[in-house]
Amino acid sequence: MVGELLEYYREWNGQLANKIVFYRDGVDDGQFARVLNFEIPQIKAAFKGEF
């Protein structure tokens, strides 16, 4: 999803954004490890593919 959004932004604006901020809501203490171990690596991989 992140990679698709980065590509959409580039197509719409002609370049990638200089800064991107993620807000993640709805994560309780029991889900925090999942975010760290699963979601963040996927986000980083999407950025490596675009930058």
N, C-alpha and C. Protein backbone atom coordinates (compact mmCIF):
# COMPACT_ATOMS: atom_id res chain seq x y z
N MET A 1 0.82 -1.19 0.00
CA MET A 1 0.00 0.00 0.00
C MET A 1 0.87 1.26 0.00
N VAL A 2 1.92 1.28 0.80
CA VAL A 2 2.77 2.47 0.88
C VAL A 2 3.45 2.72 -0.46
N GLY A 3 3.96 1.67 -1.08
CA GLY A 3 4.61 1.82 -2.37
C GLY A 3 3.66 2.38 -3.42
N GLU A 4 2.43 1.91 -3.42
CA GLU A 4 1.43 2.41 -4.36
C GLU A 4 1.14 3.89 -4.11
N LEU A 5 1.06 4.27 -2.85
CA LEU A 5 0.79 5.67 -2.52
C LEU A 5 1.96 6.57 -2.90
N LEU A 6 3.19 6.09 -2.71
CA LEU A 6 4.36 6.87 -3.11
C LEU A 6 4.36 7.07 -4.63
N GLU A 7 4.06 6.02 -5.37
CA GLU A 7 4.01 6.13 -6.83
C GLU A 7 2.89 7.07 -7.27
N TYR A 8 1.73 6.97 -6.64
CA TYR A 8 0.63 7.87 -6.96
C TYR A 8 1.03 9.32 -6.71
N TYR A 9 1.68 9.58 -5.59
CA TYR A 9 2.12 10.94 -5.27
C TYR A 9 3.08 11.44 -6.34
N ARG A 10 4.03 10.57 -6.74
CA ARG A 10 5.02 10.98 -7.75
C ARG A 10 4.33 11.29 -9.07
N GLU A 11 3.39 10.46 -9.47
CA GLU A 11 2.67 10.70 -10.73
C GLU A 11 1.88 12.00 -10.67
N TRP A 12 1.24 12.27 -9.56
CA TRP A 12 0.39 13.44 -9.42
C TRP A 12 1.21 14.73 -9.32
N ASN A 13 2.36 14.67 -8.62
CA ASN A 13 3.14 15.88 -8.35
C ASN A 13 4.43 15.99 -9.16
N GLY A 14 4.79 14.95 -9.89
CA GLY A 14 6.00 14.99 -10.71
C GLY A 14 7.28 14.72 -9.94
N GLN A 15 7.19 14.47 -8.67
CA GLN A 15 8.35 14.15 -7.84
C GLN A 15 7.87 13.53 -6.54
N LEU A 16 8.80 12.91 -5.83
CA LEU A 16 8.46 12.35 -4.53
C LEU A 16 8.49 13.44 -3.46
N ALA A 17 7.80 13.21 -2.38
CA ALA A 17 7.78 14.16 -1.27
C ALA A 17 9.14 14.20 -0.58
N ASN A 18 9.48 15.35 -0.03
CA ASN A 18 10.73 15.48 0.73
C ASN A 18 10.62 14.86 2.11
N LYS A 19 9.45 14.93 2.69
CA LYS A 19 9.22 14.39 4.03
C LYS A 19 7.86 13.70 4.06
N ILE A 20 7.81 12.60 4.80
CA ILE A 20 6.57 11.86 4.96
C ILE A 20 6.41 11.52 6.43
N VAL A 21 5.23 11.76 6.97
CA VAL A 21 4.95 11.49 8.37
C VAL A 21 3.85 10.43 8.43
N PHE A 22 4.06 9.41 9.23
CA PHE A 22 3.06 8.37 9.44
C PHE A 22 2.47 8.54 10.83
N TYR A 23 1.16 8.50 10.90
CA TYR A 23 0.46 8.45 12.18
C TYR A 23 -0.23 7.09 12.24
N ARG A 24 0.01 6.37 13.28
CA ARG A 24 -0.57 5.03 13.42
C ARG A 24 -1.42 5.02 14.68
N ASP A 25 -2.72 4.87 14.50
CA ASP A 25 -3.66 4.89 15.62
C ASP A 25 -4.22 3.49 15.83
N GLY A 26 -4.71 3.24 17.01
CA GLY A 26 -5.40 2.00 17.29
C GLY A 26 -4.50 0.83 17.62
N VAL A 27 -3.29 1.09 18.06
CA VAL A 27 -2.37 0.01 18.43
C VAL A 27 -2.30 -0.07 19.94
N ASP A 28 -2.73 -1.19 20.49
CA ASP A 28 -2.61 -1.35 21.93
C ASP A 28 -1.27 -2.02 22.25
N ASP A 29 -0.97 -2.16 23.51
CA ASP A 29 0.32 -2.71 23.93
C ASP A 29 0.58 -4.09 23.36
N GLY A 30 -0.45 -4.89 23.22
CA GLY A 30 -0.28 -6.24 22.69
C GLY A 30 0.02 -6.28 21.21
N GLN A 31 -0.31 -5.21 20.49
CA GLN A 31 -0.07 -5.15 19.05
C GLN A 31 1.20 -4.39 18.69
N PHE A 32 1.81 -3.75 19.65
CA PHE A 32 2.95 -2.89 19.36
C PHE A 32 4.10 -3.67 18.73
N ALA A 33 4.36 -4.87 19.22
CA ALA A 33 5.44 -5.69 18.66
C ALA A 33 5.16 -6.03 17.21
N ARG A 34 3.91 -6.27 16.86
CA ARG A 34 3.55 -6.57 15.47
C ARG A 34 3.87 -5.39 14.57
N VAL A 35 3.56 -4.19 15.03
CA VAL A 35 3.86 -3.00 14.24
C VAL A 35 5.36 -2.89 14.02
N LEU A 36 6.13 -3.07 15.09
CA LEU A 36 7.58 -2.95 14.98
C LEU A 36 8.18 -4.03 14.08
N ASN A 37 7.69 -5.25 14.19
CA ASN A 37 8.30 -6.38 13.49
C ASN A 37 7.73 -6.64 12.11
N PHE A 38 6.55 -6.14 11.82
CA PHE A 38 5.91 -6.45 10.55
C PHE A 38 5.65 -5.20 9.70
N GLU A 39 4.99 -4.22 10.25
CA GLU A 39 4.58 -3.06 9.46
C GLU A 39 5.74 -2.14 9.13
N ILE A 40 6.59 -1.85 10.09
CA ILE A 40 7.69 -0.92 9.83
C ILE A 40 8.66 -1.46 8.79
N PRO A 41 9.07 -2.75 8.83
CA PRO A 41 9.92 -3.26 7.76
C PRO A 41 9.27 -3.17 6.38
N GLN A 42 7.97 -3.36 6.30
CA GLN A 42 7.30 -3.22 5.01
C GLN A 42 7.32 -1.78 4.51
N ILE A 43 7.16 -0.84 5.41
CA ILE A 43 7.22 0.57 5.04
C ILE A 43 8.63 0.91 4.56
N LYS A 44 9.64 0.45 5.28
CA LYS A 44 11.03 0.70 4.87
C LYS A 44 11.32 0.09 3.51
N ALA A 45 10.82 -1.09 3.24
CA ALA A 45 11.03 -1.74 1.95
C ALA A 45 10.39 -0.93 0.82
N ALA A 46 9.23 -0.37 1.07
CA ALA A 46 8.57 0.46 0.06
C ALA A 46 9.39 1.70 -0.24
N PHE A 47 9.99 2.29 0.78
CA PHE A 47 10.82 3.47 0.57
C PHE A 47 12.08 3.12 -0.21
N LYS A 48 12.69 1.98 0.10
CA LYS A 48 13.89 1.56 -0.63
C LYS A 48 13.58 1.34 -2.10
N GLY A 49 12.39 0.88 -2.39
CA GLY A 49 11.99 0.66 -3.78
C GLY A 49 11.76 1.95 -4.54
N GLU A 50 11.43 3.02 -3.86
CA GLU A 50 11.11 4.29 -4.50
C GLU A 50 12.27 5.28 -4.50
N PHE A 51 13.13 5.22 -3.50
CA PHE A 51 14.19 6.23 -3.39
C PHE A 51 15.48 5.70 -3.92
